[in-house]
């Protein structure tokens, strides 16, 4: 009867990062939620992996990885952008300094 079949466009991906602390987690999750199509983003600080649920009709894995790299963190094989990495708090760079809580 002329009705379109709804195709599920939600996908899940797990991306390895080099996040260290809650500030890192906050920064990465905030960047991901700013992307159109991202429905869920949850970073596990123990594994340093972020699980992302997204609408593949709106965004893709490459864009998600680039969003993480753009805020200063590695995302799988996509390296952090140097200027963004340099702008991170010292503790987020892994220099052993104590991290502050996110605001």
PDB file of N, CA and C in Angstrom:
ATOM      1  N   UNK A   1       0.859  -1.181   0.000  1.00  0.00           N
ATOM      2  CA  UNK A   1       0.000   0.000   0.000  1.00  0.00           C
ATOM      3  C   UNK A   1       0.891   1.225   0.000  1.00  0.00           C
ATOM      4  N   UNK A   2       1.681   1.684  -0.605  1.00  0.00           N
ATOM      5  CA  UNK A   2       2.393   2.941  -0.700  1.00  0.00           C
ATOM      6  C   UNK A   2       3.074   3.470   0.562  1.00  0.00           C
ATOM      7  N   UNK A   3       3.051   2.765   1.678  1.00  0.00           N
ATOM      8  CA  UNK A   3       3.699   3.265   2.897  1.00  0.00           C
ATOM      9  C   UNK A   3       5.181   2.907   2.899  1.00  0.00           C
ATOM     10  N   UNK A   4       5.983   3.829   3.351  1.00  0.00           N
ATOM     11  CA  UNK A   4       7.426   3.576   3.418  1.00  0.00           C
ATOM     12  C   UNK A   4       7.743   2.732   4.643  1.00  0.00           C
ATOM     13  N   UNK A   5       8.699   1.863   4.500  1.00  0.00           N
ATOM     14  CA  UNK A   5       9.148   1.051   5.618  1.00  0.00           C
ATOM     15  C   UNK A   5      10.219   1.851   6.364  1.00  0.00           C
ATOM     16  N   UNK A   6      10.024   1.996   7.656  1.00  0.00           N
ATOM     17  CA  UNK A   6      10.995   2.746   8.465  1.00  0.00           C
ATOM     18  C   UNK A   6      12.252   1.889   8.653  1.00  0.00           C
ATOM     19  N   UNK A   7      13.368   2.449   8.277  1.00  0.00           N
ATOM     20  CA  UNK A   7      14.642   1.755   8.445  1.00  0.00           C
ATOM     21  C   UNK A   7      15.328   2.332   9.678  1.00  0.00           C
ATOM     22  N   UNK A   8      15.725   1.457  10.560  1.00  0.00           N
ATOM     23  CA  UNK A   8      16.398   1.907  11.773  1.00  0.00           C
ATOM     24  C   UNK A   8      17.774   2.445  11.411  1.00  0.00           C
ATOM     25  N   UNK A   9      18.005   3.711  11.737  1.00  0.00           N
ATOM     26  CA  UNK A   9      19.257   4.354  11.360  1.00  0.00           C
ATOM     27  C   UNK A   9      20.181   4.573  12.553  1.00  0.00           C
ATOM     28  N   UNK A  10      19.795   4.044  13.706  1.00  0.00           N
ATOM     29  CA  UNK A  10      20.628   4.228  14.886  1.00  0.00           C
ATOM     30  C   UNK A  10      21.754   3.203  14.896  1.00  0.00           C
ATOM     31  N   UNK A  11      22.963   3.702  15.095  1.00  0.00           N
ATOM     32  CA  UNK A  11      24.145   2.851  15.155  1.00  0.00           C
ATOM     33  C   UNK A  11      24.868   3.103  16.465  1.00  0.00           C
ATOM     34  N   UNK A  12      25.717   2.146  16.845  1.00  0.00           N
ATOM     35  CA  UNK A  12      26.554   2.282  18.033  1.00  0.00           C
ATOM     36  C   UNK A  12      28.001   2.069  17.625  1.00  0.00           C
ATOM     37  N   UNK A  13      28.887   2.830  18.250  1.00  0.00           N
ATOM     38  CA  UNK A  13      30.313   2.670  17.998  1.00  0.00           C
ATOM     39  C   UNK A  13      31.050   2.883  19.323  1.00  0.00           C
ATOM     40  N   UNK A  14      32.148   2.177  19.496  1.00  0.00           N
ATOM     41  CA  UNK A  14      33.017   2.368  20.653  1.00  0.00           C
ATOM     42  C   UNK A  14      34.357   2.876  20.133  1.00  0.00           C
ATOM     43  N   UNK A  15      34.794   3.993  20.688  1.00  0.00           N
ATOM     44  CA  UNK A  15      36.018   4.651  20.233  1.00  0.00           C
ATOM     45  C   UNK A  15      37.006   4.739  21.391  1.00  0.00           C
ATOM     46  N   UNK A  16      38.240   4.326  21.127  1.00  0.00           N
ATOM     47  CA  UNK A  16      39.314   4.408  22.128  1.00  0.00           C
ATOM     48  C   UNK A  16      39.838   5.839  22.183  1.00  0.00           C
ATOM     49  N   UNK A  17      39.917   6.396  23.396  1.00  0.00           N
ATOM     50  CA  UNK A  17      40.461   7.741  23.579  1.00  0.00           C
ATOM     51  C   UNK A  17      41.665   7.653  24.512  1.00  0.00           C
ATOM     52  N   UNK A  18      42.235   8.799  24.812  1.00  0.00           N
ATOM     53  CA  UNK A  18      43.312   8.865  25.799  1.00  0.00           C
ATOM     54  C   UNK A  18      42.886   9.747  26.970  1.00  0.00           C
ATOM     55  N   UNK A  19      41.587   9.756  27.264  1.00  0.00           N
ATOM     56  CA  UNK A  19      41.037  10.530  28.378  1.00  0.00           C
ATOM     57  C   UNK A  19      41.621  10.045  29.701  1.00  0.00           C
ATOM     58  N   UNK A  20      41.746  10.965  30.657  1.00  0.00           N
ATOM     59  CA  UNK A  20      42.368  10.647  31.931  1.00  0.00           C
ATOM     60  C   UNK A  20      41.413  10.844  33.113  1.00  0.00           C
ATOM     61  N   UNK A  21      40.661  11.929  33.089  1.00  0.00           N
ATOM     62  CA  UNK A  21      39.904  12.317  34.275  1.00  0.00           C
ATOM     63  C   UNK A  21      38.469  12.728  33.931  1.00  0.00           C
ATOM     64  N   UNK A  22      37.758  13.176  34.965  1.00  0.00           N
ATOM     65  CA  UNK A  22      36.383  13.621  34.765  1.00  0.00           C
ATOM     66  C   UNK A  22      36.307  14.862  33.876  1.00  0.00           C
ATOM     67  N   UNK A  23      37.328  15.709  33.922  1.00  0.00           N
ATOM     68  CA  UNK A  23      37.328  16.878  33.030  1.00  0.00           C
ATOM     69  C   UNK A  23      37.429  16.424  31.575  1.00  0.00           C
ATOM     70  N   UNK A  24      38.273  15.442  31.327  1.00  0.00           N
ATOM     71  CA  UNK A  24      38.388  14.876  29.979  1.00  0.00           C
ATOM     72  C   UNK A  24      37.027  14.310  29.540  1.00  0.00           C
ATOM     73  N   UNK A  25      36.435  13.549  30.438  1.00  0.00           N
ATOM     74  CA  UNK A  25      35.147  12.926  30.157  1.00  0.00           C
ATOM     75  C   UNK A  25      34.108  13.991  29.808  1.00  0.00           C
ATOM     76  N   UNK A  26      34.040  15.039  30.614  1.00  0.00           N
ATOM     77  CA  UNK A  26      33.083  16.114  30.390  1.00  0.00           C
ATOM     78  C   UNK A  26      33.316  16.781  29.030  1.00  0.00           C
ATOM     79  N   UNK A  27      34.566  17.056  28.717  1.00  0.00           N
ATOM     80  CA  UNK A  27      34.915  17.733  27.461  1.00  0.00           C
ATOM     81  C   UNK A  27      34.524  16.881  26.252  1.00  0.00           C
ATOM     82  N   UNK A  28      34.860  15.602  26.285  1.00  0.00           N
ATOM     83  CA  UNK A  28      34.559  14.710  25.165  1.00  0.00           C
ATOM     84  C   UNK A  28      33.057  14.520  25.013  1.00  0.00           C
ATOM     85  N   UNK A  29      32.366  14.239  26.101  1.00  0.00           N
ATOM     86  CA  UNK A  29      30.924  14.018  26.020  1.00  0.00           C
ATOM     87  C   UNK A  29      30.201  15.282  25.543  1.00  0.00           C
ATOM     88  N   UNK A  30      30.627  16.443  26.022  1.00  0.00           N
ATOM     89  CA  UNK A  30      30.024  17.716  25.596  1.00  0.00           C
ATOM     90  C   UNK A  30      30.217  17.927  24.091  1.00  0.00           C
ATOM     91  N   UNK A  31      31.421  17.646  23.602  1.00  0.00           N
ATOM     92  CA  UNK A  31      31.696  17.804  22.164  1.00  0.00           C
ATOM     93  C   UNK A  31      30.827  16.864  21.332  1.00  0.00           C
ATOM     94  N   UNK A  32      30.634  15.647  21.821  1.00  0.00           N
ATOM     95  CA  UNK A  32      29.830  14.678  21.074  1.00  0.00           C
ATOM     96  C   UNK A  32      28.357  15.043  21.082  1.00  0.00           C
ATOM     97  N   UNK A  33      27.851  15.481  22.229  1.00  0.00           N
ATOM     98  CA  UNK A  33      26.439  15.865  22.288  1.00  0.00           C
ATOM     99  C   UNK A  33      26.155  17.111  21.461  1.00  0.00           C
ATOM    100  N   UNK A  34      27.178  17.893  21.147  1.00  0.00           N
ATOM    101  CA  UNK A  34      27.005  19.070  20.302  1.00  0.00           C
ATOM    102  C   UNK A  34      26.803  18.692  18.836  1.00  0.00           C
ATOM    103  N   UNK A  35      27.133  17.455  18.477  1.00  0.00           N
ATOM    104  CA  UNK A  35      26.961  16.999  17.098  1.00  0.00           C
ATOM    105  C   UNK A  35      25.504  16.620  16.840  1.00  0.00           C
ATOM    106  N   UNK A  36      24.970  17.091  15.735  1.00  0.00           N
ATOM    107  CA  UNK A  36      23.638  16.644  15.334  1.00  0.00           C
ATOM    108  C   UNK A  36      23.690  15.146  15.087  1.00  0.00           C
ATOM    109  N   UNK A  37      22.693  14.453  15.587  1.00  0.00           N
ATOM    110  CA  UNK A  37      22.598  13.020  15.354  1.00  0.00           C
ATOM    111  C   UNK A  37      23.130  12.147  16.470  1.00  0.00           C
ATOM    112  N   UNK A  38      23.905  12.725  17.394  1.00  0.00           N
ATOM    113  CA  UNK A  38      24.404  11.929  18.516  1.00  0.00           C
ATOM    114  C   UNK A  38      23.305  11.850  19.570  1.00  0.00           C
ATOM    115  N   UNK A  39      22.918  10.620  19.887  1.00  0.00           N
ATOM    116  CA  UNK A  39      21.836  10.396  20.841  1.00  0.00           C
ATOM    117  C   UNK A  39      22.355  10.076  22.233  1.00  0.00           C
ATOM    118  N   UNK A  40      23.544   9.469  22.279  1.00  0.00           N
ATOM    119  CA  UNK A  40      24.128   9.089  23.561  1.00  0.00           C
ATOM    120  C   UNK A  40      25.641   9.039  23.426  1.00  0.00           C
ATOM    121  N   UNK A  41      26.322   9.490  24.469  1.00  0.00           N
ATOM    122  CA  UNK A  41      27.781   9.412  24.517  1.00  0.00           C
ATOM    123  C   UNK A  41      28.165   9.178  25.969  1.00  0.00           C
ATOM    124  N   UNK A  42      28.902   8.110  26.196  1.00  0.00           N
ATOM    125  CA  UNK A  42      29.289   7.761  27.564  1.00  0.00           C
ATOM    126  C   UNK A  42      30.721   7.266  27.574  1.00  0.00           C
ATOM    127  N   UNK A  43      31.576   8.009  28.268  1.00  0.00           N
ATOM    128  CA  UNK A  43      32.987   7.657  28.331  1.00  0.00           C
ATOM    129  C   UNK A  43      33.290   6.932  29.633  1.00  0.00           C
ATOM    130  N   UNK A  44      33.931   5.779  29.527  1.00  0.00           N
ATOM    131  CA  UNK A  44      34.356   4.990  30.676  1.00  0.00           C
ATOM    132  C   UNK A  44      35.818   5.341  30.947  1.00  0.00           C
ATOM    133  N   UNK A  45      36.082   5.956  32.088  1.00  0.00           N
ATOM    134  CA  UNK A  45      37.446   6.398  32.406  1.00  0.00           C
ATOM    135  C   UNK A  45      38.400   5.259  32.718  1.00  0.00           C
ATOM    136  N   UNK A  46      37.879   4.099  33.034  1.00  0.00           N
ATOM    137  CA  UNK A  46      38.757   2.955  33.302  1.00  0.00           C
ATOM    138  C   UNK A  46      39.321   2.405  31.988  1.00  0.00           C
ATOM    139  N   UNK A  47      38.453   2.217  31.000  1.00  0.00           N
ATOM    140  CA  UNK A  47      38.893   1.686  29.706  1.00  0.00           C
ATOM    141  C   UNK A  47      39.315   2.795  28.737  1.00  0.00           C
ATOM    142  N   UNK A  48      38.910   4.026  29.044  1.00  0.00           N
ATOM    143  CA  UNK A  48      39.150   5.197  28.187  1.00  0.00           C
ATOM    144  C   UNK A  48      38.406   5.078  26.857  1.00  0.00           C
ATOM    145  N   UNK A  49      37.339   4.298  26.848  1.00  0.00           N
ATOM    146  CA  UNK A  49      36.539   4.118  25.632  1.00  0.00           C
ATOM    147  C   UNK A  49      35.229   4.870  25.770  1.00  0.00           C
ATOM    148  N   UNK A  50      34.841   5.521  24.682  1.00  0.00           N
ATOM    149  CA  UNK A  50      33.562   6.229  24.664  1.00  0.00           C
ATOM    150  C   UNK A  50      32.604   5.450  23.766  1.00  0.00           C
ATOM    151  N   UNK A  51      31.435   5.172  24.316  1.00  0.00           N
ATOM    152  CA  UNK A  51      30.382   4.490  23.552  1.00  0.00           C
ATOM    153  C   UNK A  51      29.430   5.560  23.054  1.00  0.00           C
ATOM    154  N   UNK A  52      29.193   5.540  21.754  1.00  0.00           N
ATOM    155  CA  UNK A  52      28.355   6.558  21.137  1.00  0.00           C
ATOM    156  C   UNK A  52      27.222   5.891  20.373  1.00  0.00           C
ATOM    157  N   UNK A  53      26.031   6.403  20.597  1.00  0.00           N
ATOM    158  CA  UNK A  53      24.856   5.962  19.852  1.00  0.00           C
ATOM    159  C   UNK A  53      24.455   7.150  18.984  1.00  0.00           C
ATOM    160  N   UNK A  54      24.328   6.915  17.688  1.00  0.00           N
ATOM    161  CA  UNK A  54      24.096   8.034  16.779  1.00  0.00           C
ATOM    162  C   UNK A  54      23.173   7.634  15.629  1.00  0.00           C
ATOM    163  N   UNK A  55      22.622   8.641  14.973  1.00  0.00           N
ATOM    164  CA  UNK A  55      21.756   8.456  13.813  1.00  0.00           C
ATOM    165  C   UNK A  55      22.638   8.544  12.567  1.00  0.00           C
ATOM    166  N   UNK A  56      22.801   7.422  11.879  1.00  0.00           N
ATOM    167  CA  UNK A  56      23.700   7.393  10.722  1.00  0.00           C
ATOM    168  C   UNK A  56      23.176   8.211   9.538  1.00  0.00           C
ATOM    169  N   UNK A  57      21.928   8.637   9.591  1.00  0.00           N
ATOM    170  CA  UNK A  57      21.400   9.508   8.534  1.00  0.00           C
ATOM    171  C   UNK A  57      21.849  10.949   8.745  1.00  0.00           C
ATOM    172  N   UNK A  58      22.336  11.245   9.950  1.00  0.00           N
ATOM    173  CA  UNK A  58      22.707  12.614  10.298  1.00  0.00           C
ATOM    174  C   UNK A  58      24.217  12.793  10.458  1.00  0.00           C
ATOM    175  N   UNK A  59      24.897  11.792  11.002  1.00  0.00           N
ATOM    176  CA  UNK A  59      26.346  11.896  11.213  1.00  0.00           C
ATOM    177  C   UNK A  59      26.995  10.536  10.961  1.00  0.00           C
ATOM    178  N   UNK A  60      28.314  10.499  11.029  1.00  0.00           N
ATOM    179  CA  UNK A  60      29.022   9.242  10.797  1.00  0.00           C
ATOM    180  C   UNK A  60      30.206   9.104  11.755  1.00  0.00           C
ATOM    181  N   UNK A  61      30.829   7.939  11.715  1.00  0.00           N
ATOM    182  CA  UNK A  61      31.926   7.645  12.645  1.00  0.00           C
ATOM    183  C   UNK A  61      33.097   8.611  12.449  1.00  0.00           C
ATOM    184  N   UNK A  62      33.409   8.939  11.213  1.00  0.00           N
ATOM    185  CA  UNK A  62      34.536   9.850  10.957  1.00  0.00           C
ATOM    186  C   UNK A  62      34.293  11.214  11.602  1.00  0.00           C
ATOM    187  N   UNK A  63      33.075  11.713  11.517  1.00  0.00           N
ATOM    188  CA  UNK A  63      32.738  13.008  12.117  1.00  0.00           C
ATOM    189  C   UNK A  63      32.837  12.935  13.634  1.00  0.00           C
ATOM    190  N   UNK A  64      32.404  11.829  14.197  1.00  0.00           N
ATOM    191  CA  UNK A  64      32.478  11.631  15.647  1.00  0.00           C
ATOM    192  C   UNK A  64      33.941  11.613  16.096  1.00  0.00           C
ATOM    193  N   UNK A  65      34.779  10.875  15.389  1.00  0.00           N
ATOM    194  CA  UNK A  65      36.212  10.830  15.735  1.00  0.00           C
ATOM    195  C   UNK A  65      36.849  12.214  15.616  1.00  0.00           C
ATOM    196  N   UNK A  66      36.498  12.945  14.571  1.00  0.00           N
ATOM    197  CA  UNK A  66      37.057  14.290  14.367  1.00  0.00           C
ATOM    198  C   UNK A  66      36.624  15.241  15.481  1.00  0.00           C
ATOM    199  N   UNK A  67      35.398  15.078  15.989  1.00  0.00           N
ATOM    200  CA  UNK A  67      34.917  15.932  17.081  1.00  0.00           C
ATOM    201  C   UNK A  67      35.744  15.702  18.349  1.00  0.00           C
ATOM    202  N   UNK A  68      36.113  14.456  18.588  1.00  0.00           N
ATOM    203  CA  UNK A  68      36.948  14.129  19.748  1.00  0.00           C
ATOM    204  C   UNK A  68      38.354  14.716  19.557  1.00  0.00           C
ATOM    205  N   UNK A  69      38.915  14.537  18.372  1.00  0.00           N
ATOM    206  CA  UNK A  69      40.248  15.066  18.069  1.00  0.00           C
ATOM    207  C   UNK A  69      40.270  16.595  18.151  1.00  0.00           C
ATOM    208  N   UNK A  70      39.168  17.225  17.774  1.00  0.00           N
ATOM    209  CA  UNK A  70      39.086  18.686  17.759  1.00  0.00           C
ATOM    210  C   UNK A  70      39.134  19.296  19.154  1.00  0.00           C
ATOM    211  N   UNK A  71      38.789  18.506  20.185  1.00  0.00           N
ATOM    212  CA  UNK A  71      38.855  19.019  21.552  1.00  0.00           C
ATOM    213  C   UNK A  71      40.105  18.539  22.287  1.00  0.00           C
ATOM    214  N   UNK A  72      41.036  17.890  21.569  1.00  0.00           N
ATOM    215  CA  UNK A  72      42.347  17.596  22.134  1.00  0.00           C
ATOM    216  C   UNK A  72      42.635  16.163  22.529  1.00  0.00           C
ATOM    217  N   UNK A  73      41.808  15.222  22.078  1.00  0.00           N
ATOM    218  CA  UNK A  73      42.009  13.823  22.469  1.00  0.00           C
ATOM    219  C   UNK A  73      42.124  12.927  21.239  1.00  0.00           C
ATOM    220  N   UNK A  74      42.902  11.850  21.382  1.00  0.00           N
ATOM    221  CA  UNK A  74      42.988  10.853  20.326  1.00  0.00           C
ATOM    222  C   UNK A  74      41.662  10.105  20.254  1.00  0.00           C
ATOM    223  N   UNK A  75      41.297   9.705  19.038  1.00  0.00           N
ATOM    224  CA  UNK A  75      40.061   8.949  18.821  1.00  0.00           C
ATOM    225  C   UNK A  75      40.377   7.815  17.863  1.00  0.00           C
ATOM    226  N   UNK A  76      40.607   6.630  18.418  1.00  0.00           N
ATOM    227  CA  UNK A  76      41.077   5.487  17.637  1.00  0.00           C
ATOM    228  C   UNK A  76      42.367   5.892  16.937  1.00  0.00           C
ATOM    229  N   UNK A  77      42.395   5.843  15.614  1.00  0.00           N
ATOM    230  CA  UNK A  77      43.611   6.175  14.874  1.00  0.00           C
ATOM    231  C   UNK A  77      43.680   7.650  14.463  1.00  0.00           C
ATOM    232  N   UNK A  78      42.729   8.463  14.924  1.00  0.00           N
ATOM    233  CA  UNK A  78      42.725   9.895  14.611  1.00  0.00           C
ATOM    234  C   UNK A  78      43.415  10.629  15.769  1.00  0.00           C
ATOM    235  N   UNK A  79      44.567  11.236  15.495  1.00  0.00           N
ATOM    236  CA  UNK A  79      45.283  11.919  16.581  1.00  0.00           C
ATOM    237  C   UNK A  79      44.604  13.224  16.983  1.00  0.00           C
ATOM    238  N   UNK A  80      44.805  13.586  18.241  1.00  0.00           N
ATOM    239  CA  UNK A  80      44.294  14.868  18.743  1.00  0.00           C
ATOM    240  C   UNK A  80      44.900  16.003  17.937  1.00  0.00           C
ATOM    241  N   UNK A  81      44.136  17.055  17.740  1.00  0.00           N
ATOM    242  CA  UNK A  81      44.684  18.231  17.062  1.00  0.00           C
ATOM    243  C   UNK A  81      45.657  18.909  18.020  1.00  0.00           C
ATOM    244  N   UNK A  82      46.872  19.187  17.539  1.00  0.00           N
ATOM    245  CA  UNK A  82      47.924  19.717  18.420  1.00  0.00           C
ATOM    246  C   UNK A  82      47.536  20.973  19.194  1.00  0.00           C
ATOM    247  N   UNK A  83      46.890  21.940  18.550  1.00  0.00           N
ATOM    248  CA  UNK A  83      46.520  23.177  19.253  1.00  0.00           C
ATOM    249  C   UNK A  83      45.482  22.901  20.330  1.00  0.00           C
ATOM    250  N   UNK A  84      44.540  22.008  20.043  1.00  0.00           N
ATOM    251  CA  UNK A  84      43.521  21.660  21.034  1.00  0.00           C
ATOM    252  C   UNK A  84      44.163  20.905  22.192  1.00  0.00           C
ATOM    253  N   UNK A  85      45.084  20.011  21.892  1.00  0.00           N
ATOM    254  CA  UNK A  85      45.781  19.245  22.934  1.00  0.00           C
ATOM    255  C   UNK A  85      46.578  20.192  23.833  1.00  0.00           C
ATOM    256  N   UNK A  86      47.263  21.157  23.228  1.00  0.00           N
ATOM    257  CA  UNK A  86      48.071  22.113  23.992  1.00  0.00           C
ATOM    258  C   UNK A  86      47.203  22.975  24.903  1.00  0.00           C
ATOM    259  N   UNK A  87      45.951  23.186  24.537  1.00  0.00           N
ATOM    260  CA  UNK A  87      45.052  24.025  25.327  1.00  0.00           C
ATOM    261  C   UNK A  87      44.413  23.295  26.505  1.00  0.00           C
ATOM    262  N   UNK A  88      44.560  21.970  26.574  1.00  0.00           N
ATOM    263  CA  UNK A  88      43.981  21.205  27.679  1.00  0.00           C
ATOM    264  C   UNK A  88      44.677  21.550  28.992  1.00  0.00           C
ATOM    265  N   UNK A  89      43.959  21.349  30.106  1.00  0.00           N
ATOM    266  CA  UNK A  89      44.588  21.488  31.421  1.00  0.00           C
ATOM    267  C   UNK A  89      45.749  20.501  31.500  1.00  0.00           C
ATOM    268  N   UNK A  90      46.758  20.846  32.291  1.00  0.00           N
ATOM    269  CA  UNK A  90      47.944  19.995  32.404  1.00  0.00           C
ATOM    270  C   UNK A  90      47.612  18.563  32.786  1.00  0.00           C
ATOM    271  N   UNK A  91      46.663  18.392  33.702  1.00  0.00           N
ATOM    272  CA  UNK A  91      46.347  17.024  34.143  1.00  0.00           C
ATOM    273  C   UNK A  91      45.777  16.193  32.995  1.00  0.00           C
ATOM    274  N   UNK A  92      45.068  16.828  32.089  1.00  0.00           N
ATOM    275  CA  UNK A  92      44.460  16.121  30.961  1.00  0.00           C
ATOM    276  C   UNK A  92      45.495  15.732  29.901  1.00  0.00           C
ATOM    277  N   UNK A  93      46.669  16.310  30.005  1.00  0.00           N
ATOM    278  CA  UNK A  93      47.755  15.966  29.089  1.00  0.00           C
ATOM    279  C   UNK A  93      48.545  14.759  29.596  1.00  0.00           C
ATOM    280  N   UNK A  94      48.226  14.312  30.812  1.00  0.00           N
ATOM    281  CA  UNK A  94      48.899  13.136  31.359  1.00  0.00           C
ATOM    282  C   UNK A  94      50.240  13.416  31.974  1.00  0.00           C
ATOM    283  N   UNK A  95      50.417  14.624  32.504  1.00  0.00           N
ATOM    284  CA  UNK A  95      51.719  14.958  33.098  1.00  0.00           C
ATOM    285  C   UNK A  95      51.787  14.667  34.598  1.00  0.00           C
ATOM    286  N   UNK A  96      50.784  13.977  35.117  1.00  0.00           N
ATOM    287  CA  UNK A  96      50.803  13.578  36.516  1.00  0.00           C
ATOM    288  C   UNK A  96      50.228  14.579  37.489  1.00  0.00           C
ATOM    289  N   UNK A  97      49.779  15.742  37.003  1.00  0.00           N
ATOM    290  CA  UNK A  97      49.183  16.738  37.897  1.00  0.00           C
ATOM    291  C   UNK A  97      47.787  16.302  38.290  1.00  0.00           C
ATOM    292  N   UNK A  98      47.350  16.746  39.455  1.00  0.00           N
ATOM    293  CA  UNK A  98      46.016  16.404  39.950  1.00  0.00           C
ATOM    294  C   UNK A  98      44.971  17.188  39.176  1.00  0.00           C
ATOM    295  N   UNK A  99      43.928  16.483  38.776  1.00  0.00           N
ATOM    296  CA  UNK A  99      42.864  17.091  37.984  1.00  0.00           C
ATOM    297  C   UNK A  99      41.834  17.794  38.858  1.00  0.00           C
ATOM    298  N   UNK A 100      41.255  18.830  38.274  1.00  0.00           N
ATOM    299  CA  UNK A 100      40.155  19.526  38.921  1.00  0.00           C
ATOM    300  C   UNK A 100      38.844  18.858  38.484  1.00  0.00           C
ATOM    301  N   UNK A 101      37.812  19.077  39.251  1.00  0.00           N
ATOM    302  CA  UNK A 101      36.478  18.580  38.869  1.00  0.00           C
ATOM    303  C   UNK A 101      35.939  19.490  37.764  1.00  0.00           C
ATOM    304  N   UNK A 102      35.155  18.940  36.829  1.00  0.00           N
ATOM    305  CA  UNK A 102      34.567  19.778  35.787  1.00  0.00           C
ATOM    306  C   UNK A 102      33.570  20.760  36.380  1.00  0.00           C
ATOM    307  N   UNK A 103      33.450  21.910  35.736  1.00  0.00           N
ATOM    308  CA  UNK A 103      32.515  22.939  36.221  1.00  0.00           C
ATOM    309  C   UNK A 103      31.136  22.697  35.674  1.00  0.00           C
TER     310      UNK A 103
END
